[in-house]
Protein backbone atom coordinates (compact mmCIF):
# COMPACT_ATOMS: atom_id res chain seq x y z
CA MET A 1 103.38 177.75 70.70
CA LYS A 2 102.63 179.32 73.71
CA ASP A 3 104.92 182.62 74.35
CA ASP A 4 105.32 182.51 78.10
CA ALA A 5 107.16 186.22 77.71
CA GLN A 6 104.13 187.65 76.25
CA ALA A 7 101.82 185.87 78.67
CA VAL A 8 103.94 187.76 81.70
CA ALA A 9 104.01 190.88 80.34
CA TRP A 10 99.79 190.63 80.06
CA TYR A 11 99.58 189.21 83.74
CA ARG A 12 101.85 192.35 84.78
CA LYS A 13 99.62 194.67 82.78
CA ALA A 14 96.48 193.02 84.37
CA ALA A 15 97.92 193.07 88.00
CA GLU A 16 99.30 196.55 87.83
CA ALA A 17 95.48 197.31 87.03
CA GLY A 18 94.42 195.79 89.97
CA GLY A 19 93.18 192.35 88.22
CA ALA A 20 93.27 189.94 91.12
CA SER A 21 93.57 187.12 88.49
CA GLY A 22 96.70 188.79 86.55
CA MET A 23 98.41 188.92 89.88
CA ASN A 24 97.88 185.32 90.85
CA SER A 25 99.37 184.57 87.56
CA LEU A 26 102.50 186.74 87.88
CA GLY A 27 102.98 184.80 90.99
CA VAL A 28 102.88 181.32 89.30
CA SER A 29 105.24 182.65 86.78
CA TYR A 30 107.76 183.99 89.50
CA ARG A 31 107.39 180.65 91.11
CA ASP A 32 107.92 178.37 88.15
CA GLY A 33 110.63 181.20 86.46
CA ARG A 34 108.29 181.39 83.09
CA GLY A 35 108.74 184.15 80.68
CA GLY A 36 112.46 184.97 81.06
CA LEU A 37 111.63 185.90 84.79
CA VAL A 38 114.39 184.07 87.42
CA LYS A 39 112.46 181.82 89.84
CA ASP A 40 111.74 183.97 92.89
CA ASP A 41 109.47 182.71 95.82
CA ALA A 42 109.62 185.48 97.47
CA GLN A 43 108.22 187.47 94.60
CA ALA A 44 105.62 184.70 94.02
CA VAL A 45 104.23 185.11 97.81
CA ALA A 46 104.22 188.84 96.93
CA TRP A 47 101.91 188.76 94.03
CA TYR A 48 99.76 186.06 95.92
CA ARG A 49 99.45 187.71 99.00
CA LYS A 50 98.03 190.70 96.68
CA ALA A 51 95.89 188.34 94.93
CA ALA A 52 94.42 187.10 98.14
CA GLU A 53 93.91 190.42 99.89
CA ALA A 54 91.76 191.19 96.30
CA GLY A 55 89.61 188.56 96.80
CA ASN A 56 91.42 185.96 94.42
CA ALA A 57 90.60 182.34 95.49
CA THR A 58 93.28 180.98 93.79
CA GLY A 59 95.84 183.22 95.08
CA MET A 60 94.56 182.36 98.70
CA ASN A 61 95.39 178.75 97.93
CA ASN A 62 98.60 179.59 96.57
CA LEU A 63 99.44 181.49 99.47
CA GLY A 64 98.17 178.87 102.10
CA PHE A 65 100.68 176.53 100.13
CA MET A 66 103.44 178.96 100.56
CA TYR A 67 102.55 179.20 104.50
CA ALA A 68 102.04 174.93 104.82
CA ASN A 69 105.96 175.11 103.11
CA GLY A 70 107.76 177.89 104.52
CA ARG A 71 108.41 178.92 100.93
CA GLY A 72 109.41 182.74 99.85
CA GLY A 73 110.49 183.87 102.97
CA LEU A 74 107.80 182.78 104.67
CA PRO A 75 108.07 180.78 108.09
CA LYS A 76 106.07 177.09 107.97
CA ASP A 77 103.15 178.28 109.57
CA VAL A 78 100.17 175.43 109.55
CA ASN A 79 97.55 177.96 111.40
CA LEU A 80 98.10 180.85 108.60
CA ALA A 81 97.85 178.06 106.03
CA ARG A 82 94.70 176.64 106.93
CA GLN A 83 93.24 180.37 107.53
CA TRP A 84 94.36 180.99 103.98
CA TYR A 85 92.84 177.24 102.75
CA GLN A 86 89.77 178.07 104.44
CA LYS A 87 89.05 181.38 103.03
CA ALA A 88 89.95 180.05 99.36
CA ILE A 89 87.26 177.16 100.16
CA ASP A 90 84.60 179.32 101.53
CA LEU A 91 84.79 180.99 97.64
CA GLY A 92 84.53 177.72 96.39
CA ASN A 93 88.08 176.57 95.58
CA GLU A 94 88.29 172.88 95.23
CA LEU A 95 92.24 172.83 95.38
CA ALA A 96 91.93 174.46 98.59
CA LYS A 97 89.75 171.54 100.11
CA THR A 98 92.52 168.70 98.61
CA SER A 99 95.24 171.47 100.24
CA LEU A 100 93.60 171.38 103.50
CA GLU A 101 92.91 167.75 103.96
CA LYS A 102 96.53 166.91 103.07
CA LEU A 103 97.60 169.66 105.16
CA VAL A 104 95.74 168.08 108.22
CA HIS A 105 96.73 164.90 107.79
CA GLN A 106 100.38 165.44 107.42
C-alpha cells in the first residue's frame, strides 16, 4: 500500500534540495490533494513553475495545462500555454504534444 504522506515528504525534501522532478511531483500532490495536503491549485502552479524553470519537461507541460485552463490563479492564456507546451515538446515530452494538439483544436 502506498503511503502518500511519506511520498509528499520526500517530494518536498527533493524539491527543497533543488530537484526539479520533486518540485513537479509536489505540484501534482497539491493539485490532487494527496498525502494530507489540501487541494491547492495556486501551490501546484508555484511548484510547476519552479520545476519548469529548472528545466523539467513534465513541469512545463503541467504549467501549460494550468494556463490553458486558467487554474491556480492564472488567467486563461492560450499563448503562454502553447509556449510551455512547446518547451516541453522540445525536451521530448510526448504528453505535451497531445496537450498542444488539443489546445489547437479547441
